[in-house]
């Protein structure tokens, strides 16, 4: 979940992502994930695949 949340800020770039939870621990994990590194090469490959799929 944390990896998906962190990566969401790159697909495409976003300033905010909404997340709902009734568990403060889950929210804390998502906030902590913002400090994680993102594999931008993998994100770029994924975006190219998405754009290619849209065009076909």
N, C-alpha and C. Protein backbone atom coordinates (compact mmCIF):
# COMPACT_ATOMS: atom_id res chain seq x y z
N UNK A 1 0.82 -1.18 0.00
CA UNK A 1 0.00 0.00 0.00
C UNK A 1 0.87 1.25 0.00
N UNK A 2 1.93 1.25 0.80
CA UNK A 2 2.78 2.43 0.88
C UNK A 2 3.46 2.70 -0.45
N UNK A 3 3.92 1.67 -1.13
CA UNK A 3 4.59 1.85 -2.41
C UNK A 3 3.64 2.43 -3.45
N UNK A 4 2.42 1.94 -3.48
CA UNK A 4 1.43 2.45 -4.42
C UNK A 4 1.10 3.91 -4.12
N UNK A 5 0.97 4.23 -2.85
CA UNK A 5 0.67 5.61 -2.45
C UNK A 5 1.80 6.54 -2.87
N UNK A 6 3.03 6.12 -2.59
CA UNK A 6 4.19 6.95 -2.92
C UNK A 6 4.31 7.14 -4.42
N UNK A 7 4.12 6.06 -5.17
CA UNK A 7 4.25 6.11 -6.61
C UNK A 7 3.13 6.94 -7.24
N UNK A 8 1.98 7.02 -6.62
CA UNK A 8 0.85 7.77 -7.16
C UNK A 8 1.21 9.22 -7.43
N UNK A 9 2.16 9.75 -6.70
CA UNK A 9 2.56 11.14 -6.91
C UNK A 9 3.35 11.32 -8.21
N UNK A 10 3.68 10.22 -8.89
CA UNK A 10 4.45 10.28 -10.13
C UNK A 10 3.64 9.81 -11.34
N UNK A 11 2.40 9.46 -11.20
CA UNK A 11 1.61 8.84 -12.28
C UNK A 11 0.33 9.57 -12.58
N UNK A 12 0.22 10.59 -13.27
CA UNK A 12 1.27 11.58 -13.54
C UNK A 12 1.56 12.35 -12.26
N UNK A 13 2.45 13.30 -12.35
CA UNK A 13 2.80 14.07 -11.15
C UNK A 13 1.55 14.64 -10.49
N UNK A 14 1.52 14.56 -9.18
CA UNK A 14 0.37 15.07 -8.43
C UNK A 14 0.85 15.79 -7.19
N UNK A 15 0.11 16.78 -6.79
CA UNK A 15 0.44 17.52 -5.57
C UNK A 15 -0.30 16.95 -4.38
N UNK A 16 -1.37 16.18 -4.64
CA UNK A 16 -2.17 15.63 -3.55
C UNK A 16 -2.82 14.32 -4.00
N UNK A 17 -3.00 13.43 -3.04
CA UNK A 17 -3.69 12.17 -3.27
C UNK A 17 -4.63 11.96 -2.09
N UNK A 18 -5.89 11.64 -2.36
CA UNK A 18 -6.85 11.42 -1.28
C UNK A 18 -6.75 9.97 -0.81
N UNK A 19 -6.80 9.77 0.51
CA UNK A 19 -6.78 8.43 1.09
C UNK A 19 -7.71 8.43 2.29
N UNK A 20 -8.58 7.47 2.33
CA UNK A 20 -9.50 7.37 3.45
C UNK A 20 -9.13 6.22 4.36
N UNK A 21 -9.17 6.45 5.64
CA UNK A 21 -8.90 5.38 6.61
C UNK A 21 -9.48 5.78 7.96
N UNK A 22 -9.91 4.80 8.71
CA UNK A 22 -10.36 5.07 10.07
C UNK A 22 -9.31 4.61 11.08
N UNK A 23 -8.12 4.26 10.55
CA UNK A 23 -7.04 3.77 11.39
C UNK A 23 -5.88 4.75 11.30
N UNK A 24 -5.60 5.49 12.38
CA UNK A 24 -4.50 6.47 12.35
C UNK A 24 -3.15 5.84 12.02
N UNK A 25 -2.97 4.58 12.36
CA UNK A 25 -1.72 3.89 12.04
C UNK A 25 -1.52 3.75 10.54
N UNK A 26 -2.60 3.47 9.81
CA UNK A 26 -2.51 3.35 8.36
C UNK A 26 -2.16 4.70 7.75
N UNK A 27 -2.77 5.75 8.25
CA UNK A 27 -2.47 7.09 7.74
C UNK A 27 -1.01 7.45 8.02
N UNK A 28 -0.52 7.10 9.18
CA UNK A 28 0.89 7.36 9.52
C UNK A 28 1.82 6.63 8.56
N UNK A 29 1.47 5.38 8.20
CA UNK A 29 2.29 4.63 7.24
C UNK A 29 2.33 5.32 5.89
N UNK A 30 1.18 5.84 5.45
CA UNK A 30 1.15 6.53 4.16
C UNK A 30 2.00 7.79 4.20
N UNK A 31 1.90 8.55 5.27
CA UNK A 31 2.71 9.77 5.40
C UNK A 31 4.20 9.41 5.41
N UNK A 32 4.56 8.36 6.12
CA UNK A 32 5.97 7.94 6.16
C UNK A 32 6.46 7.53 4.78
N UNK A 33 5.57 6.99 3.95
CA UNK A 33 5.99 6.53 2.63
C UNK A 33 6.42 7.69 1.73
N UNK A 34 6.03 8.92 2.06
CA UNK A 34 6.40 10.06 1.23
C UNK A 34 7.91 10.28 1.21
N UNK A 35 8.62 9.75 2.19
CA UNK A 35 10.07 9.87 2.22
C UNK A 35 10.79 8.77 1.45
N UNK A 36 10.05 7.81 0.91
CA UNK A 36 10.65 6.70 0.20
C UNK A 36 11.12 7.13 -1.19
N UNK A 37 12.15 6.47 -1.67
CA UNK A 37 12.63 6.72 -3.03
C UNK A 37 11.69 6.05 -4.02
N UNK A 38 11.57 6.67 -5.19
CA UNK A 38 10.75 6.13 -6.27
C UNK A 38 11.67 5.74 -7.41
N UNK A 39 11.45 4.55 -7.96
CA UNK A 39 12.22 4.10 -9.11
C UNK A 39 11.66 4.79 -10.34
N UNK A 40 12.24 5.94 -10.68
CA UNK A 40 11.70 6.74 -11.77
C UNK A 40 11.85 6.06 -13.13
N UNK A 41 12.82 5.17 -13.27
CA UNK A 41 12.95 4.41 -14.52
C UNK A 41 11.74 3.49 -14.69
N UNK A 42 11.35 2.80 -13.64
CA UNK A 42 10.19 1.92 -13.71
C UNK A 42 8.92 2.72 -13.95
N UNK A 43 8.81 3.88 -13.32
CA UNK A 43 7.63 4.73 -13.52
C UNK A 43 7.57 5.19 -14.97
N UNK A 44 8.69 5.59 -15.54
CA UNK A 44 8.73 6.03 -16.94
C UNK A 44 8.33 4.89 -17.88
N UNK A 45 8.81 3.70 -17.62
CA UNK A 45 8.45 2.54 -18.44
C UNK A 45 6.95 2.27 -18.35
N UNK A 46 6.41 2.37 -17.17
CA UNK A 46 4.98 2.16 -16.96
C UNK A 46 4.16 3.21 -17.71
N UNK A 47 4.57 4.47 -17.63
CA UNK A 47 3.86 5.54 -18.33
C UNK A 47 3.91 5.34 -19.84
N UNK A 48 5.09 4.94 -20.37
CA UNK A 48 5.19 4.67 -21.81
C UNK A 48 4.25 3.53 -22.20
N UNK A 49 4.17 2.50 -21.38
CA UNK A 49 3.27 1.38 -21.67
C UNK A 49 1.81 1.84 -21.65
N UNK A 50 1.46 2.69 -20.70
CA UNK A 50 0.08 3.20 -20.64
C UNK A 50 -0.24 4.03 -21.88
N UNK A 51 0.68 4.90 -22.26
CA UNK A 51 0.45 5.75 -23.44
C UNK A 51 0.36 4.90 -24.70
N UNK A 52 1.20 3.87 -24.80
CA UNK A 52 1.15 2.97 -25.94
C UNK A 52 -0.16 2.21 -26.01
N UNK A 53 -0.66 1.81 -24.85
CA UNK A 53 -1.94 1.09 -24.79
C UNK A 53 -3.10 1.98 -25.22
N UNK A 54 -3.06 3.25 -24.83
CA UNK A 54 -4.12 4.20 -25.21
C UNK A 54 -4.16 4.41 -26.71
N UNK A 55 -2.99 4.41 -27.34
CA UNK A 55 -2.92 4.69 -28.77
C UNK A 55 -3.29 3.49 -29.62
N UNK A 56 -3.27 2.30 -29.04
CA UNK A 56 -3.59 1.10 -29.84
C UNK A 56 -5.06 0.76 -29.80
